[in-house]
Amino acid sequence: VRSILRTPGLRKEERGARERAREL
Protein backbone atom coordinates (compact mmCIF):
# COMPACT_ATOMS: atom_id res chain seq x y z
CA VAL A 1 0.00 0.00 0.00
CA ARG A 2 2.77 2.47 0.93
CA SER A 3 4.57 1.64 -2.33
CA ILE A 4 1.48 2.23 -4.47
CA LEU A 5 0.55 5.48 -2.69
CA ARG A 6 4.19 6.68 -2.52
CA THR A 7 3.61 7.98 1.00
CA PRO A 8 5.98 10.57 2.54
CA GLY A 9 7.16 7.89 5.00
CA LEU A 10 8.07 5.56 2.15
CA ARG A 11 9.94 8.29 0.26
CA LYS A 12 11.89 9.13 3.43
CA GLU A 13 12.76 5.45 3.96
CA GLU A 14 13.94 5.16 0.33
CA ARG A 15 16.16 8.27 0.68
CA GLY A 16 17.65 6.83 3.85
CA ALA A 17 18.27 3.49 2.15
CA ARG A 18 20.06 5.16 -0.77
CA GLU A 19 22.30 7.14 1.59
CA ARG A 20 23.10 4.01 3.62
CA ALA A 21 23.90 2.12 0.38
CA ARG A 22 26.31 4.90 -0.65
CA GLU A 23 27.96 4.73 2.78
CA LEU A 24 28.42 0.96 2.42
PDBML (XML) file of the C-alpha atoms, coordinates in Angstrom:
<?xml version="1.0" encoding="UTF-8" ?>
<PDBx:datablock datablockName="MODEL"
   xmlns:PDBx="http://pdbml.pdb.org/schema/pdbx-v50.xsd"
   xmlns:xsi="http://www.w3.org/2001/XMLSchema-instance"
   xsi:schemaLocation="http://pdbml.pdb.org/schema/pdbx-v50.xsd pdbx-v50.xsd">
   <PDBx:atom_siteCategory>
      <PDBx:atom_site id="1">
         <PDBx:B_iso_or_equiv>0.00</PDBx:B_iso_or_equiv>
         <PDBx:Cartn_x>0.000</PDBx:Cartn_x>
         <PDBx:Cartn_y>0.000</PDBx:Cartn_y>
         <PDBx:Cartn_z>0.000</PDBx:Cartn_z>
         <PDBx:auth_asym_id>A</PDBx:auth_asym_id>
         <PDBx:auth_atom_id>CA</PDBx:auth_atom_id>
         <PDBx:auth_comp_id>VAL</PDBx:auth_comp_id>
         <PDBx:auth_seq_id>1</PDBx:auth_seq_id>
         <PDBx:group_PDB>ATOM</PDBx:group_PDB>
         <PDBx:label_alt_id xsi:nil="true" />
         <PDBx:label_asym_id>A</PDBx:label_asym_id>
         <PDBx:label_atom_id>CA</PDBx:label_atom_id>
         <PDBx:label_comp_id>VAL</PDBx:label_comp_id>
         <PDBx:label_entity_id>1</PDBx:label_entity_id>
         <PDBx:label_seq_id>1</PDBx:label_seq_id>
         <PDBx:occupancy>1.00</PDBx:occupancy>
         <PDBx:pdbx_PDB_model_num>1</PDBx:pdbx_PDB_model_num>
         <PDBx:type_symbol>C</PDBx:type_symbol>
      </PDBx:atom_site>
      <PDBx:atom_site id="2">
         <PDBx:B_iso_or_equiv>0.00</PDBx:B_iso_or_equiv>
         <PDBx:Cartn_x>2.770</PDBx:Cartn_x>
         <PDBx:Cartn_y>2.470</PDBx:Cartn_y>
         <PDBx:Cartn_z>0.929</PDBx:Cartn_z>
         <PDBx:auth_asym_id>A</PDBx:auth_asym_id>
         <PDBx:auth_atom_id>CA</PDBx:auth_atom_id>
         <PDBx:auth_comp_id>ARG</PDBx:auth_comp_id>
         <PDBx:auth_seq_id>2</PDBx:auth_seq_id>
         <PDBx:group_PDB>ATOM</PDBx:group_PDB>
         <PDBx:label_alt_id xsi:nil="true" />
         <PDBx:label_asym_id>A</PDBx:label_asym_id>
         <PDBx:label_atom_id>CA</PDBx:label_atom_id>
         <PDBx:label_comp_id>ARG</PDBx:label_comp_id>
         <PDBx:label_entity_id>1</PDBx:label_entity_id>
         <PDBx:label_seq_id>2</PDBx:label_seq_id>
         <PDBx:occupancy>1.00</PDBx:occupancy>
         <PDBx:pdbx_PDB_model_num>1</PDBx:pdbx_PDB_model_num>
         <PDBx:type_symbol>C</PDBx:type_symbol>
      </PDBx:atom_site>
      <PDBx:atom_site id="3">
         <PDBx:B_iso_or_equiv>0.00</PDBx:B_iso_or_equiv>
         <PDBx:Cartn_x>4.570</PDBx:Cartn_x>
         <PDBx:Cartn_y>1.637</PDBx:Cartn_y>
         <PDBx:Cartn_z>-2.335</PDBx:Cartn_z>
         <PDBx:auth_asym_id>A</PDBx:auth_asym_id>
         <PDBx:auth_atom_id>CA</PDBx:auth_atom_id>
         <PDBx:auth_comp_id>SER</PDBx:auth_comp_id>
         <PDBx:auth_seq_id>3</PDBx:auth_seq_id>
         <PDBx:group_PDB>ATOM</PDBx:group_PDB>
         <PDBx:label_alt_id xsi:nil="true" />
         <PDBx:label_asym_id>A</PDBx:label_asym_id>
         <PDBx:label_atom_id>CA</PDBx:label_atom_id>
         <PDBx:label_comp_id>SER</PDBx:label_comp_id>
         <PDBx:label_entity_id>1</PDBx:label_entity_id>
         <PDBx:label_seq_id>3</PDBx:label_seq_id>
         <PDBx:occupancy>1.00</PDBx:occupancy>
         <PDBx:pdbx_PDB_model_num>1</PDBx:pdbx_PDB_model_num>
         <PDBx:type_symbol>C</PDBx:type_symbol>
      </PDBx:atom_site>
      <PDBx:atom_site id="4">
         <PDBx:B_iso_or_equiv>0.00</PDBx:B_iso_or_equiv>
         <PDBx:Cartn_x>1.476</PDBx:Cartn_x>
         <PDBx:Cartn_y>2.230</PDBx:Cartn_y>
         <PDBx:Cartn_z>-4.470</PDBx:Cartn_z>
         <PDBx:auth_asym_id>A</PDBx:auth_asym_id>
         <PDBx:auth_atom_id>CA</PDBx:auth_atom_id>
         <PDBx:auth_comp_id>ILE</PDBx:auth_comp_id>
         <PDBx:auth_seq_id>4</PDBx:auth_seq_id>
         <PDBx:group_PDB>ATOM</PDBx:group_PDB>
         <PDBx:label_alt_id xsi:nil="true" />
         <PDBx:label_asym_id>A</PDBx:label_asym_id>
         <PDBx:label_atom_id>CA</PDBx:label_atom_id>
         <PDBx:label_comp_id>ILE</PDBx:label_comp_id>
         <PDBx:label_entity_id>1</PDBx:label_entity_id>
         <PDBx:label_seq_id>4</PDBx:label_seq_id>
         <PDBx:occupancy>1.00</PDBx:occupancy>
         <PDBx:pdbx_PDB_model_num>1</PDBx:pdbx_PDB_model_num>
         <PDBx:type_symbol>C</PDBx:type_symbol>
      </PDBx:atom_site>
      <PDBx:atom_site id="5">
         <PDBx:B_iso_or_equiv>0.00</PDBx:B_iso_or_equiv>
         <PDBx:Cartn_x>0.554</PDBx:Cartn_x>
         <PDBx:Cartn_y>5.477</PDBx:Cartn_y>
         <PDBx:Cartn_z>-2.686</PDBx:Cartn_z>
         <PDBx:auth_asym_id>A</PDBx:auth_asym_id>
         <PDBx:auth_atom_id>CA</PDBx:auth_atom_id>
         <PDBx:auth_comp_id>LEU</PDBx:auth_comp_id>
         <PDBx:auth_seq_id>5</PDBx:auth_seq_id>
         <PDBx:group_PDB>ATOM</PDBx:group_PDB>
         <PDBx:label_alt_id xsi:nil="true" />
         <PDBx:label_asym_id>A</PDBx:label_asym_id>
         <PDBx:label_atom_id>CA</PDBx:label_atom_id>
         <PDBx:label_comp_id>LEU</PDBx:label_comp_id>
         <PDBx:label_entity_id>1</PDBx:label_entity_id>
         <PDBx:label_seq_id>5</PDBx:label_seq_id>
         <PDBx:occupancy>1.00</PDBx:occupancy>
         <PDBx:pdbx_PDB_model_num>1</PDBx:pdbx_PDB_model_num>
         <PDBx:type_symbol>C</PDBx:type_symbol>
      </PDBx:atom_site>
      <PDBx:atom_site id="6">
         <PDBx:B_iso_or_equiv>0.00</PDBx:B_iso_or_equiv>
         <PDBx:Cartn_x>4.192</PDBx:Cartn_x>
         <PDBx:Cartn_y>6.680</PDBx:Cartn_y>
         <PDBx:Cartn_z>-2.519</PDBx:Cartn_z>
         <PDBx:auth_asym_id>A</PDBx:auth_asym_id>
         <PDBx:auth_atom_id>CA</PDBx:auth_atom_id>
         <PDBx:auth_comp_id>ARG</PDBx:auth_comp_id>
         <PDBx:auth_seq_id>6</PDBx:auth_seq_id>
         <PDBx:group_PDB>ATOM</PDBx:group_PDB>
         <PDBx:label_alt_id xsi:nil="true" />
         <PDBx:label_asym_id>A</PDBx:label_asym_id>
         <PDBx:label_atom_id>CA</PDBx:label_atom_id>
         <PDBx:label_comp_id>ARG</PDBx:label_comp_id>
         <PDBx:label_entity_id>1</PDBx:label_entity_id>
         <PDBx:label_seq_id>6</PDBx:label_seq_id>
         <PDBx:occupancy>1.00</PDBx:occupancy>
         <PDBx:pdbx_PDB_model_num>1</PDBx:pdbx_PDB_model_num>
         <PDBx:type_symbol>C</PDBx:type_symbol>
      </PDBx:atom_site>
      <PDBx:atom_site id="7">
         <PDBx:B_iso_or_equiv>0.00</PDBx:B_iso_or_equiv>
         <PDBx:Cartn_x>3.607</PDBx:Cartn_x>
         <PDBx:Cartn_y>7.985</PDBx:Cartn_y>
         <PDBx:Cartn_z>0.996</PDBx:Cartn_z>
         <PDBx:auth_asym_id>A</PDBx:auth_asym_id>
         <PDBx:auth_atom_id>CA</PDBx:auth_atom_id>
         <PDBx:auth_comp_id>THR</PDBx:auth_comp_id>
         <PDBx:auth_seq_id>7</PDBx:auth_seq_id>
         <PDBx:group_PDB>ATOM</PDBx:group_PDB>
         <PDBx:label_alt_id xsi:nil="true" />
         <PDBx:label_asym_id>A</PDBx:label_asym_id>
         <PDBx:label_atom_id>CA</PDBx:label_atom_id>
         <PDBx:label_comp_id>THR</PDBx:label_comp_id>
         <PDBx:label_entity_id>1</PDBx:label_entity_id>
         <PDBx:label_seq_id>7</PDBx:label_seq_id>
         <PDBx:occupancy>1.00</PDBx:occupancy>
         <PDBx:pdbx_PDB_model_num>1</PDBx:pdbx_PDB_model_num>
         <PDBx:type_symbol>C</PDBx:type_symbol>
      </PDBx:atom_site>
      <PDBx:atom_site id="8">
         <PDBx:B_iso_or_equiv>0.00</PDBx:B_iso_or_equiv>
         <PDBx:Cartn_x>5.979</PDBx:Cartn_x>
         <PDBx:Cartn_y>10.567</PDBx:Cartn_y>
         <PDBx:Cartn_z>2.545</PDBx:Cartn_z>
         <PDBx:auth_asym_id>A</PDBx:auth_asym_id>
         <PDBx:auth_atom_id>CA</PDBx:auth_atom_id>
         <PDBx:auth_comp_id>PRO</PDBx:auth_comp_id>
         <PDBx:auth_seq_id>8</PDBx:auth_seq_id>
         <PDBx:group_PDB>ATOM</PDBx:group_PDB>
         <PDBx:label_alt_id xsi:nil="true" />
         <PDBx:label_asym_id>A</PDBx:label_asym_id>
         <PDBx:label_atom_id>CA</PDBx:label_atom_id>
         <PDBx:label_comp_id>PRO</PDBx:label_comp_id>
         <PDBx:label_entity_id>1</PDBx:label_entity_id>
         <PDBx:label_seq_id>8</PDBx:label_seq_id>
         <PDBx:occupancy>1.00</PDBx:occupancy>
         <PDBx:pdbx_PDB_model_num>1</PDBx:pdbx_PDB_model_num>
         <PDBx:type_symbol>C</PDBx:type_symbol>
      </PDBx:atom_site>
      <PDBx:atom_site id="9">
         <PDBx:B_iso_or_equiv>0.00</PDBx:B_iso_or_equiv>
         <PDBx:Cartn_x>7.158</PDBx:Cartn_x>
         <PDBx:Cartn_y>7.892</PDBx:Cartn_y>
         <PDBx:Cartn_z>4.996</PDBx:Cartn_z>
         <PDBx:auth_asym_id>A</PDBx:auth_asym_id>
         <PDBx:auth_atom_id>CA</PDBx:auth_atom_id>
         <PDBx:auth_comp_id>GLY</PDBx:auth_comp_id>
         <PDBx:auth_seq_id>9</PDBx:auth_seq_id>
         <PDBx:group_PDB>ATOM</PDBx:group_PDB>
         <PDBx:label_alt_id xsi:nil="true" />
         <PDBx:label_asym_id>A</PDBx:label_asym_id>
         <PDBx:label_atom_id>CA</PDBx:label_atom_id>
         <PDBx:label_comp_id>GLY</PDBx:label_comp_id>
         <PDBx:label_entity_id>1</PDBx:label_entity_id>
         <PDBx:label_seq_id>9</PDBx:label_seq_id>
         <PDBx:occupancy>1.00</PDBx:occupancy>
         <PDBx:pdbx_PDB_model_num>1</PDBx:pdbx_PDB_model_num>
         <PDBx:type_symbol>C</PDBx:type_symbol>
      </PDBx:atom_site>
      <PDBx:atom_site id="10">
         <PDBx:B_iso_or_equiv>0.00</PDBx:B_iso_or_equiv>
         <PDBx:Cartn_x>8.072</PDBx:Cartn_x>
         <PDBx:Cartn_y>5.558</PDBx:Cartn_y>
         <PDBx:Cartn_z>2.153</PDBx:Cartn_z>
         <PDBx:auth_asym_id>A</PDBx:auth_asym_id>
         <PDBx:auth_atom_id>CA</PDBx:auth_atom_id>
         <PDBx:auth_comp_id>LEU</PDBx:auth_comp_id>
         <PDBx:auth_seq_id>10</PDBx:auth_seq_id>
         <PDBx:group_PDB>ATOM</PDBx:group_PDB>
         <PDBx:label_alt_id xsi:nil="true" />
         <PDBx:label_asym_id>A</PDBx:label_asym_id>
         <PDBx:label_atom_id>CA</PDBx:label_atom_id>
         <PDBx:label_comp_id>LEU</PDBx:label_comp_id>
         <PDBx:label_entity_id>1</PDBx:label_entity_id>
         <PDBx:label_seq_id>10</PDBx:label_seq_id>
         <PDBx:occupancy>1.00</PDBx:occupancy>
         <PDBx:pdbx_PDB_model_num>1</PDBx:pdbx_PDB_model_num>
         <PDBx:type_symbol>C</PDBx:type_symbol>
      </PDBx:atom_site>
      <PDBx:atom_site id="11">
         <PDBx:B_iso_or_equiv>0.00</PDBx:B_iso_or_equiv>
         <PDBx:Cartn_x>9.940</PDBx:Cartn_x>
         <PDBx:Cartn_y>8.285</PDBx:Cartn_y>
         <PDBx:Cartn_z>0.260</PDBx:Cartn_z>
         <PDBx:auth_asym_id>A</PDBx:auth_asym_id>
         <PDBx:auth_atom_id>CA</PDBx:auth_atom_id>
         <PDBx:auth_comp_id>ARG</PDBx:auth_comp_id>
         <PDBx:auth_seq_id>11</PDBx:auth_seq_id>
         <PDBx:group_PDB>ATOM</PDBx:group_PDB>
         <PDBx:label_alt_id xsi:nil="true" />
         <PDBx:label_asym_id>A</PDBx:label_asym_id>
         <PDBx:label_atom_id>CA</PDBx:label_atom_id>
         <PDBx:label_comp_id>ARG</PDBx:label_comp_id>
         <PDBx:label_entity_id>1</PDBx:label_entity_id>
         <PDBx:label_seq_id>11</PDBx:label_seq_id>
         <PDBx:occupancy>1.00</PDBx:occupancy>
         <PDBx:pdbx_PDB_model_num>1</PDBx:pdbx_PDB_model_num>
         <PDBx:type_symbol>C</PDBx:type_symbol>
      </PDBx:atom_site>
      <PDBx:atom_site id="12">
         <PDBx:B_iso_or_equiv>0.00</PDBx:B_iso_or_equiv>
         <PDBx:Cartn_x>11.889</PDBx:Cartn_x>
         <PDBx:Cartn_y>9.126</PDBx:Cartn_y>
         <PDBx:Cartn_z>3.426</PDBx:Cartn_z>
         <PDBx:auth_asym_id>A</PDBx:auth_asym_id>
         <PDBx:auth_atom_id>CA</PDBx:auth_atom_id>
         <PDBx:auth_comp_id>LYS</PDBx:auth_comp_id>
         <PDBx:auth_seq_id>12</PDBx:auth_seq_id>
         <PDBx:group_PDB>ATOM</PDBx:group_PDB>
         <PDBx:label_alt_id xsi:nil="true" />
         <PDBx:label_asym_id>A</PDBx:label_asym_id>
         <PDBx:label_atom_id>CA</PDBx:label_atom_id>
         <PDBx:label_comp_id>LYS</PDBx:label_comp_id>
         <PDBx:label_entity_id>1</PDBx:label_entity_id>
         <PDBx:label_seq_id>12</PDBx:label_seq_id>
         <PDBx:occupancy>1.00</PDBx:occupancy>
         <PDBx:pdbx_PDB_model_num>1</PDBx:pdbx_PDB_model_num>
         <PDBx:type_symbol>C</PDBx:type_symbol>
      </PDBx:atom_site>
      <PDBx:atom_site id="13">
         <PDBx:B_iso_or_equiv>0.00</PDBx:B_iso_or_equiv>
         <PDBx:Cartn_x>12.758</PDBx:Cartn_x>
         <PDBx:Cartn_y>5.453</PDBx:Cartn_y>
         <PDBx:Cartn_z>3.956</PDBx:Cartn_z>
         <PDBx:auth_asym_id>A</PDBx:auth_asym_id>
         <PDBx:auth_atom_id>CA</PDBx:auth_atom_id>
         <PDBx:auth_comp_id>GLU</PDBx:auth_comp_id>
         <PDBx:auth_seq_id>13</PDBx:auth_seq_id>
         <PDBx:group_PDB>ATOM</PDBx:group_PDB>
         <PDBx:label_alt_id xsi:nil="true" />
         <PDBx:label_asym_id>A</PDBx:label_asym_id>
         <PDBx:label_atom_id>CA</PDBx:label_atom_id>
         <PDBx:label_comp_id>GLU</PDBx:label_comp_id>
         <PDBx:label_entity_id>1</PDBx:label_entity_id>
         <PDBx:label_seq_id>13</PDBx:label_seq_id>
         <PDBx:occupancy>1.00</PDBx:occupancy>
         <PDBx:pdbx_PDB_model_num>1</PDBx:pdbx_PDB_model_num>
         <PDBx:type_symbol>C</PDBx:type_symbol>
      </PDBx:atom_site>
      <PDBx:atom_site id="14">
         <PDBx:B_iso_or_equiv>0.00</PDBx:B_iso_or_equiv>
         <PDBx:Cartn_x>13.939</PDBx:Cartn_x>
         <PDBx:Cartn_y>5.158</PDBx:Cartn_y>
         <PDBx:Cartn_z>0.329</PDBx:Cartn_z>
         <PDBx:auth_asym_id>A</PDBx:auth_asym_id>
         <PDBx:auth_atom_id>CA</PDBx:auth_atom_id>
         <PDBx:auth_comp_id>GLU</PDBx:auth_comp_id>
         <PDBx:auth_seq_id>14</PDBx:auth_seq_id>
         <PDBx:group_PDB>ATOM</PDBx:group_PDB>
         <PDBx:label_alt_id xsi:nil="true" />
         <PDBx:label_asym_id>A</PDBx:label_asym_id>
         <PDBx:label_atom_id>CA</PDBx:label_atom_id>
         <PDBx:label_comp_id>GLU</PDBx:label_comp_id>
         <PDBx:label_entity_id>1</PDBx:label_entity_id>
         <PDBx:label_seq_id>14</PDBx:label_seq_id>
         <PDBx:occupancy>1.00</PDBx:occupancy>
         <PDBx:pdbx_PDB_model_num>1</PDBx:pdbx_PDB_model_num>
         <PDBx:type_symbol>C</PDBx:type_symbol>
      </PDBx:atom_site>
      <PDBx:atom_site id="15">
         <PDBx:B_iso_or_equiv>0.00</PDBx:B_iso_or_equiv>
         <PDBx:Cartn_x>16.162</PDBx:Cartn_x>
         <PDBx:Cartn_y>8.271</PDBx:Cartn_y>
         <PDBx:Cartn_z>0.678</PDBx:Cartn_z>
         <PDBx:auth_asym_id>A</PDBx:auth_asym_id>
         <PDBx:auth_atom_id>CA</PDBx:auth_atom_id>
         <PDBx:auth_comp_id>ARG</PDBx:auth_comp_id>
         <PDBx:auth_seq_id>15</PDBx:auth_seq_id>
         <PDBx:group_PDB>ATOM</PDBx:group_PDB>
         <PDBx:label_alt_id xsi:nil="true" />
         <PDBx:label_asym_id>A</PDBx:label_asym_id>
         <PDBx:label_atom_id>CA</PDBx:label_atom_id>
         <PDBx:label_comp_id>ARG</PDBx:label_comp_id>
         <PDBx:label_entity_id>1</PDBx:label_entity_id>
         <PDBx:label_seq_id>15</PDBx:label_seq_id>
         <PDBx:occupancy>1.00</PDBx:occupancy>
         <PDBx:pdbx_PDB_model_num>1</PDBx:pdbx_PDB_model_num>
         <PDBx:type_symbol>C</PDBx:type_symbol>
      </PDBx:atom_site>
      <PDBx:atom_site id="16">
         <PDBx:B_iso_or_equiv>0.00</PDBx:B_iso_or_equiv>
         <PDBx:Cartn_x>17.651</PDBx:Cartn_x>
         <PDBx:Cartn_y>6.828</PDBx:Cartn_y>
         <PDBx:Cartn_z>3.853</PDBx:Cartn_z>
         <PDBx:auth_asym_id>A</PDBx:auth_asym_id>
         <PDBx:auth_atom_id>CA</PDBx:auth_atom_id>
         <PDBx:auth_comp_id>GLY</PDBx:auth_comp_id>
         <PDBx:auth_seq_id>16</PDBx:auth_seq_id>
         <PDBx:group_PDB>ATOM</PDBx:group_PDB>
         <PDBx:label_alt_id xsi:nil="true" />
         <PDBx:label_asym_id>A</PDBx:label_asym_id>
         <PDBx:label_atom_id>CA</PDBx:label_atom_id>
         <PDBx:label_comp_id>GLY</PDBx:label_comp_id>
         <PDBx:label_entity_id>1</PDBx:label_entity_id>
         <PDBx:label_seq_id>16</PDBx:label_seq_id>
         <PDBx:occupancy>1.00</PDBx:occupancy>
         <PDBx:pdbx_PDB_model_num>1</PDBx:pdbx_PDB_model_num>
         <PDBx:type_symbol>C</PDBx:type_symbol>
      </PDBx:atom_site>
      <PDBx:atom_site id="17">
         <PDBx:B_iso_or_equiv>0.00</PDBx:B_iso_or_equiv>
         <PDBx:Cartn_x>18.273</PDBx:Cartn_x>
         <PDBx:Cartn_y>3.487</PDBx:Cartn_y>
         <PDBx:Cartn_z>2.152</PDBx:Cartn_z>
         <PDBx:auth_asym_id>A</PDBx:auth_asym_id>
         <PDBx:auth_atom_id>CA</PDBx:auth_atom_id>
         <PDBx:auth_comp_id>ALA</PDBx:auth_comp_id>
         <PDBx:auth_seq_id>17</PDBx:auth_seq_id>
         <PDBx:group_PDB>ATOM</PDBx:group_PDB>
         <PDBx:label_alt_id xsi:nil="true" />
         <PDBx:label_asym_id>A</PDBx:label_asym_id>
         <PDBx:label_atom_id>CA</PDBx:label_atom_id>
         <PDBx:label_comp_id>ALA</PDBx:label_comp_id>
         <PDBx:label_entity_id>1</PDBx:label_entity_id>
         <PDBx:label_seq_id>17</PDBx:label_seq_id>
         <PDBx:occupancy>1.00</PDBx:occupancy>
         <PDBx:pdbx_PDB_model_num>1</PDBx:pdbx_PDB_model_num>
         <PDBx:type_symbol>C</PDBx:type_symbol>
      </PDBx:atom_site>
      <PDBx:atom_site id="18">
         <PDBx:B_iso_or_equiv>0.00</PDBx:B_iso_or_equiv>
         <PDBx:Cartn_x>20.063</PDBx:Cartn_x>
         <PDBx:Cartn_y>5.158</PDBx:Cartn_y>
         <PDBx:Cartn_z>-0.771</PDBx:Cartn_z>
         <PDBx:auth_asym_id>A</PDBx:auth_asym_id>
         <PDBx:auth_atom_id>CA</PDBx:auth_atom_id>
         <PDBx:auth_comp_id>ARG</PDBx:auth_comp_id>
         <PDBx:auth_seq_id>18</PDBx:auth_seq_id>
         <PDBx:group_PDB>ATOM</PDBx:group_PDB>
         <PDBx:label_alt_id xsi:nil="true" />
         <PDBx:label_asym_id>A</PDBx:label_asym_id>
         <PDBx:label_atom_id>CA</PDBx:label_atom_id>
         <PDBx:label_comp_id>ARG</PDBx:label_comp_id>
         <PDBx:label_entity_id>1</PDBx:label_entity_id>
         <PDBx:label_seq_id>18</PDBx:label_seq_id>
         <PDBx:occupancy>1.00</PDBx:occupancy>
         <PDBx:pdbx_PDB_model_num>1</PDBx:pdbx_PDB_model_num>
         <PDBx:type_symbol>C</PDBx:type_symbol>
      </PDBx:atom_site>
      <PDBx:atom_site id="19">
         <PDBx:B_iso_or_equiv>0.00</PDBx:B_iso_or_equiv>
         <PDBx:Cartn_x>22.303</PDBx:Cartn_x>
         <PDBx:Cartn_y>7.137</PDBx:Cartn_y>
         <PDBx:Cartn_z>1.586</PDBx:Cartn_z>
         <PDBx:auth_asym_id>A</PDBx:auth_asym_id>
         <PDBx:auth_atom_id>CA</PDBx:auth_atom_id>
         <PDBx:auth_comp_id>GLU</PDBx:auth_comp_id>
         <PDBx:auth_seq_id>19</PDBx:auth_seq_id>
         <PDBx:group_PDB>ATOM</PDBx:group_PDB>
         <PDBx:label_alt_id xsi:nil="true" />
         <PDBx:label_asym_id>A</PDBx:label_asym_id>
         <PDBx:label_atom_id>CA</PDBx:label_atom_id>
         <PDBx:label_comp_id>GLU</PDBx:label_comp_id>
         <PDBx:label_entity_id>1</PDBx:label_entity_id>
         <PDBx:label_seq_id>19</PDBx:label_seq_id>
         <PDBx:occupancy>1.00</PDBx:occupancy>
         <PDBx:pdbx_PDB_model_num>1</PDBx:pdbx_PDB_model_num>
         <PDBx:type_symbol>C</PDBx:type_symbol>
      </PDBx:atom_site>
      <PDBx:atom_site id="20">
         <PDBx:B_iso_or_equiv>0.00</PDBx:B_iso_or_equiv>
         <PDBx:Cartn_x>23.099</PDBx:Cartn_x>
         <PDBx:Cartn_y>4.012</PDBx:Cartn_y>
         <PDBx:Cartn_z>3.617</PDBx:Cartn_z>
         <PDBx:auth_asym_id>A</PDBx:auth_asym_id>
         <PDBx:auth_atom_id>CA</PDBx:auth_atom_id>
         <PDBx:auth_comp_id>ARG</PDBx:auth_comp_id>
         <PDBx:auth_seq_id>20</PDBx:auth_seq_id>
         <PDBx:group_PDB>ATOM</PDBx:group_PDB>
         <PDBx:label_alt_id xsi:nil="true" />
         <PDBx:label_asym_id>A</PDBx:label_asym_id>
         <PDBx:label_atom_id>CA</PDBx:label_atom_id>
         <PDBx:label_comp_id>ARG</PDBx:label_comp_id>
         <PDBx:label_entity_id>1</PDBx:label_entity_id>
         <PDBx:label_seq_id>20</PDBx:label_seq_id>
         <PDBx:occupancy>1.00</PDBx:occupancy>
         <PDBx:pdbx_PDB_model_num>1</PDBx:pdbx_PDB_model_num>
         <PDBx:type_symbol>C</PDBx:type_symbol>
      </PDBx:atom_site>
      <PDBx:atom_site id="21">
         <PDBx:B_iso_or_equiv>0.00</PDBx:B_iso_or_equiv>
         <PDBx:Cartn_x>23.896</PDBx:Cartn_x>
         <PDBx:Cartn_y>2.119</PDBx:Cartn_y>
         <PDBx:Cartn_z>0.382</PDBx:Cartn_z>
         <PDBx:auth_asym_id>A</PDBx:auth_asym_id>
         <PDBx:auth_atom_id>CA</PDBx:auth_atom_id>
         <PDBx:auth_comp_id>ALA</PDBx:auth_comp_id>
         <PDBx:auth_seq_id>21</PDBx:auth_seq_id>
         <PDBx:group_PDB>ATOM</PDBx:group_PDB>
         <PDBx:label_alt_id xsi:nil="true" />
         <PDBx:label_asym_id>A</PDBx:label_asym_id>
         <PDBx:label_atom_id>CA</PDBx:label_atom_id>
         <PDBx:label_comp_id>ALA</PDBx:label_comp_id>
         <PDBx:label_entity_id>1</PDBx:label_entity_id>
         <PDBx:label_seq_id>21</PDBx:label_seq_id>
         <PDBx:occupancy>1.00</PDBx:occupancy>
         <PDBx:pdbx_PDB_model_num>1</PDBx:pdbx_PDB_model_num>
         <PDBx:type_symbol>C</PDBx:type_symbol>
      </PDBx:atom_site>
      <PDBx:atom_site id="22">
         <PDBx:B_iso_or_equiv>0.00</PDBx:B_iso_or_equiv>
         <PDBx:Cartn_x>26.311</PDBx:Cartn_x>
         <PDBx:Cartn_y>4.900</PDBx:Cartn_y>
         <PDBx:Cartn_z>-0.655</PDBx:Cartn_z>
         <PDBx:auth_asym_id>A</PDBx:auth_asym_id>
         <PDBx:auth_atom_id>CA</PDBx:auth_atom_id>
         <PDBx:auth_comp_id>ARG</PDBx:auth_comp_id>
         <PDBx:auth_seq_id>22</PDBx:auth_seq_id>
         <PDBx:group_PDB>ATOM</PDBx:group_PDB>
         <PDBx:label_alt_id xsi:nil="true" />
         <PDBx:label_asym_id>A</PDBx:label_asym_id>
         <PDBx:label_atom_id>CA</PDBx:label_atom_id>
         <PDBx:label_comp_id>ARG</PDBx:label_comp_id>
         <PDBx:label_entity_id>1</PDBx:label_entity_id>
         <PDBx:label_seq_id>22</PDBx:label_seq_id>
         <PDBx:occupancy>1.00</PDBx:occupancy>
         <PDBx:pdbx_PDB_model_num>1</PDBx:pdbx_PDB_model_num>
         <PDBx:type_symbol>C</PDBx:type_symbol>
      </PDBx:atom_site>
      <PDBx:atom_site id="23">
         <PDBx:B_iso_or_equiv>0.00</PDBx:B_iso_or_equiv>
         <PDBx:Cartn_x>27.961</PDBx:Cartn_x>
         <PDBx:Cartn_y>4.731</PDBx:Cartn_y>
         <PDBx:Cartn_z>2.782</PDBx:Cartn_z>
         <PDBx:auth_asym_id>A</PDBx:auth_asym_id>
         <PDBx:auth_atom_id>CA</PDBx:auth_atom_id>
         <PDBx:auth_comp_id>GLU</PDBx:auth_comp_id>
         <PDBx:auth_seq_id>23</PDBx:auth_seq_id>
         <PDBx:group_PDB>ATOM</PDBx:group_PDB>
         <PDBx:label_alt_id xsi:nil="true" />
         <PDBx:label_asym_id>A</PDBx:label_asym_id>
         <PDBx:label_atom_id>CA</PDBx:label_atom_id>
         <PDBx:label_comp_id>GLU</PDBx:label_comp_id>
         <PDBx:label_entity_id>1</PDBx:label_entity_id>
         <PDBx:label_seq_id>23</PDBx:label_seq_id>
         <PDBx:occupancy>1.00</PDBx:occupancy>
         <PDBx:pdbx_PDB_model_num>1</PDBx:pdbx_PDB_model_num>
         <PDBx:type_symbol>C</PDBx:type_symbol>
      </PDBx:atom_site>
      <PDBx:atom_site id="24">
         <PDBx:B_iso_or_equiv>0.00</PDBx:B_iso_or_equiv>
         <PDBx:Cartn_x>28.417</PDBx:Cartn_x>
         <PDBx:Cartn_y>0.962</PDBx:Cartn_y>
         <PDBx:Cartn_z>2.423</PDBx:Cartn_z>
         <PDBx:auth_asym_id>A</PDBx:auth_asym_id>
         <PDBx:auth_atom_id>CA</PDBx:auth_atom_id>
         <PDBx:auth_comp_id>LEU</PDBx:auth_comp_id>
         <PDBx:auth_seq_id>24</PDBx:auth_seq_id>
         <PDBx:group_PDB>ATOM</PDBx:group_PDB>
         <PDBx:label_alt_id xsi:nil="true" />
         <PDBx:label_asym_id>A</PDBx:label_asym_id>
         <PDBx:label_atom_id>CA</PDBx:label_atom_id>
         <PDBx:label_comp_id>LEU</PDBx:label_comp_id>
         <PDBx:label_entity_id>1</PDBx:label_entity_id>
         <PDBx:label_seq_id>24</PDBx:label_seq_id>
         <PDBx:occupancy>1.00</PDBx:occupancy>
         <PDBx:pdbx_PDB_model_num>1</PDBx:pdbx_PDB_model_num>
         <PDBx:type_symbol>C</PDBx:type_symbol>
      </PDBx:atom_site>
   </PDBx:atom_siteCategory>
</PDBx:datablock>
